[in-house]
Amino acid sequence: MSGPVARIGLTPSEPLASPFVSQRPRPRFVTSTGPSRSATSGGGVGHDGRLMKSALVVWGGWGGHEPEAVANLMAELLRSEGFEVEVSNSLGSFADLARLRSLSLIVPVWTMGEIAHELCDNVCAAVREDGVGIGGCHGGMCDAFRGSTEWQYMTGGQWVAHPGNDGVKYTIEIAKDVSHPITEGLADFEVSSEQYYLHTDPANLVLATTQFPNPTVTGTDAELVNPCRMPQVWTRQYGRGRVFYTALGHQRNVLEQPTPKEILRRGLLWAAK
């Protein structure tokens, strides 16, 4: 990994030029626990009197992706940006639609699970109808619920393979023809991890790719791969909500590297309502 990565500030609520973004006031959830809250915001009130952004991070599923450790990193990044963050290890956290509608951001960290239709519908409704952002990484978001096509439609992709498994060395290439605050000023970088091959929505705005086949991978895995530039970081719109995804993040140590961490930080901020 090359030198330090420049941090840029992003305003989570900055408007997106899209016909799907509503300019109307959105209802917020009021709770009687935790910090003082406004009746128009799901977040608490900060020391400066401003309303805090609020995020729900939900982790679980396959343990090999270190879901708790990754979820804690997500929470640390968001809290450092002034968010009020709830971390949960239960999909039951998606049961309260009013609560979900009040949030700024939903962060799933749940690989290879099954989700009840009503819980998936609640998340999708909060994003689609209320403009709540959703952002995540690796299998925690795009290999979360293989049986839910609506989840895949919302997130923009689904993992299908990682030729060579973990420890593959590959390059993430930043899209040079796309100007976006998530990748502004970032250079291509090397990673040693699982190189994700995904089925992706052609409507995604692709911010970074990786090359397949990988010359370091041999055997049957390599022989099956068609040459392509595989999307690794993207954004999209799902109704009124912003969606951010990065394929990096097999385990927490991958996301703690400077450029992957900065992409994650910027992406979550960009997606938040």
Foldseek 3Di string as FASTA:
>chain_A
DDDFDDFDDDALPDDDPDPLADPDQFFADDDPDDADPDRRAPAHADPVRDGAAEEEEEFDADCLLVGVLQSVLLVVLRVVVRYHYDYYDDLCVLVDLNNLLRHQEYEFQAAPDADDPNSVVSNLCSCQPRARFYEYEARRQQRHHVVDVVSCVQQFKHFDDFFPAFQDKWKKQFDPVDDDPLCPPHGIDIDGTGDTAIDGDPQWAAGIWTWPPDPVGDDPSNVPDDTDTGGAWTWDGRRNFIYTYGNDRSYVVRCPPRSNVSSRSVRRSNRTD
